[in-house]
């Protein structure tokens, strides 16, 4: 095996090990995000957190974020919840409110006065 395949195998072993360290766990990619640094993954983060939060008080829960650049708006973590980032995972916080408000560009909300900064 070359180094890339060995590295990929080690990453897979690490993720499997991490998934087994909590009673309830999941990988972000189970919820359909795209780690390209351009696609909004707010819905995926919120869906994953909401799903796992149901189990947080029952032995703790963990969401593993795999390698990639994960663009997202805000999300809230609950108590007894671990957000684990792989060493090559980057969470990019969005400066655009539309990633939280809906599918339209930010200008739509301001032009239609659906959102007020004051």
Protein backbone atom coordinates (compact mmCIF):
# COMPACT_ATOMS: atom_id res chain seq x y z
CA UNK A 1 0.00 0.00 0.00
CA UNK A 2 1.18 3.53 -0.68
CA UNK A 3 1.14 6.31 1.92
CA UNK A 4 -2.18 7.77 0.75
CA UNK A 5 -4.01 4.48 1.14
CA UNK A 6 -2.39 3.88 4.53
CA UNK A 7 -3.39 7.38 5.62
CA UNK A 8 -6.95 6.82 4.40
CA UNK A 9 -7.10 3.52 6.26
CA UNK A 10 -5.82 5.14 9.45
CA UNK A 11 -8.42 7.90 9.09
CA UNK A 12 -11.15 5.29 8.71
CA UNK A 13 -9.90 3.40 11.79
CA UNK A 14 -9.85 6.68 13.74
CA UNK A 15 -13.43 7.52 12.77
CA UNK A 16 -14.67 4.02 13.64
CA UNK A 17 -12.87 4.22 16.99
CA UNK A 18 -14.38 7.61 17.72
CA UNK A 19 -17.84 6.39 16.84
CA UNK A 20 -17.49 3.61 19.39
CA UNK A 21 -16.39 5.86 22.27
CA UNK A 22 -19.88 7.29 22.86
CA UNK A 23 -23.12 5.48 23.38
CA UNK A 24 -24.75 7.48 20.57
CA UNK A 25 -22.72 8.85 17.68
CA UNK A 26 -22.88 9.77 14.01
CA UNK A 27 -20.74 11.19 11.23
CA UNK A 28 -21.85 14.48 9.67
CA UNK A 29 -21.84 12.92 6.19
CA UNK A 30 -24.78 10.74 7.27
CA UNK A 31 -26.90 13.90 6.96
CA UNK A 32 -26.02 14.85 3.37
CA UNK A 33 -23.59 17.78 3.58
CA UNK A 34 -20.92 18.74 1.04
CA UNK A 35 -17.48 19.60 2.42
CA UNK A 36 -16.35 21.79 -0.48
CA UNK A 37 -16.18 25.10 1.41
CA UNK A 38 -18.85 26.63 -0.85
CA UNK A 39 -22.08 24.73 -0.14
CA UNK A 40 -24.15 25.65 2.90
CA UNK A 41 -24.31 22.76 5.38
CA UNK A 42 -26.42 24.50 8.03
CA UNK A 43 -29.36 22.15 7.55
CA UNK A 44 -27.10 19.09 7.82
CA UNK A 45 -25.44 20.33 11.03
CA UNK A 46 -28.80 21.20 12.57
CA UNK A 47 -30.34 17.85 11.53
CA UNK A 48 -27.39 15.89 12.93
CA UNK A 49 -27.35 17.83 16.20
CA UNK A 50 -31.12 17.58 16.60
CA UNK A 51 -31.00 13.84 15.94
CA UNK A 52 -28.18 13.18 18.40
CA UNK A 53 -29.44 15.62 21.05
CA UNK A 54 -32.32 13.24 21.76
CA UNK A 55 -29.73 10.84 23.19
CA UNK A 56 -27.33 13.30 24.83
CA UNK A 57 -28.54 12.70 28.38
CA UNK A 58 -28.47 8.92 27.85
CA UNK A 59 -24.75 8.30 27.90
CA UNK A 60 -23.67 11.33 25.91
CA UNK A 61 -23.66 11.84 22.15
CA UNK A 62 -21.00 12.68 19.60
CA UNK A 63 -21.02 14.13 16.10
CA UNK A 64 -17.84 13.50 14.13
CA UNK A 65 -16.98 16.00 11.41
CA UNK A 66 -14.83 14.27 8.75
CA UNK A 67 -12.14 15.90 6.58
CA UNK A 68 -13.39 18.76 4.44
CA UNK A 69 -14.31 22.44 4.54
CA UNK A 70 -17.79 22.66 6.03
CA UNK A 71 -19.53 25.99 5.40
CA UNK A 72 -22.36 26.62 7.85
CA UNK A 73 -24.46 29.23 9.54
CA UNK A 74 -24.99 29.11 13.28
CA UNK A 75 -26.07 26.03 15.19
CA UNK A 76 -26.51 25.27 18.89
CA UNK A 77 -24.95 22.41 20.81
CA UNK A 78 -26.62 20.92 23.86
CA UNK A 79 -25.20 19.64 27.14
CA UNK A 80 -23.53 16.22 27.13
CA UNK A 81 -22.75 16.58 23.42
CA UNK A 82 -19.33 16.26 21.79
CA UNK A 83 -18.51 17.84 18.45
CA UNK A 84 -15.35 16.10 17.25
CA UNK A 85 -13.45 17.52 14.28
CA UNK A 86 -11.08 15.33 12.29
CA UNK A 87 -7.62 16.91 12.02
CA UNK A 88 -8.37 17.87 8.40
CA UNK A 89 -11.88 19.21 9.07
CA UNK A 90 -12.54 22.94 9.01
CA UNK A 91 -15.85 24.54 9.98
CA UNK A 92 -16.31 27.78 8.09
CA UNK A 93 -18.75 30.15 9.76
CA UNK A 94 -20.82 32.09 7.27
CA UNK A 95 -21.08 35.85 7.32
CA UNK A 96 -24.22 35.66 5.19
CA UNK A 97 -27.49 35.54 7.10
CA UNK A 98 -29.19 33.72 4.22
CA UNK A 99 -27.42 30.53 5.25
CA UNK A 100 -29.58 30.65 8.36
CA UNK A 101 -32.72 32.28 7.02
CA UNK A 102 -33.45 30.26 3.92
CA UNK A 103 -32.58 29.40 0.35
CA UNK A 104 -32.44 32.94 -1.08
CA UNK A 105 -29.45 35.30 -1.35
CA UNK A 106 -29.02 37.85 1.46
CA UNK A 107 -30.21 40.70 -0.78
CA UNK A 108 -33.66 39.08 -1.02
CA UNK A 109 -34.28 39.43 2.71
CA UNK A 110 -33.12 43.02 2.88
CA UNK A 111 -34.95 44.18 -0.28
CA UNK A 112 -38.18 42.51 0.78
CA UNK A 113 -37.66 43.80 4.34
CA UNK A 114 -38.08 40.31 5.73
CA UNK A 115 -35.12 40.92 7.96
CA UNK A 116 -34.24 44.07 9.87
CA UNK A 117 -30.78 44.74 11.23
CA UNK A 118 -32.06 47.28 13.78
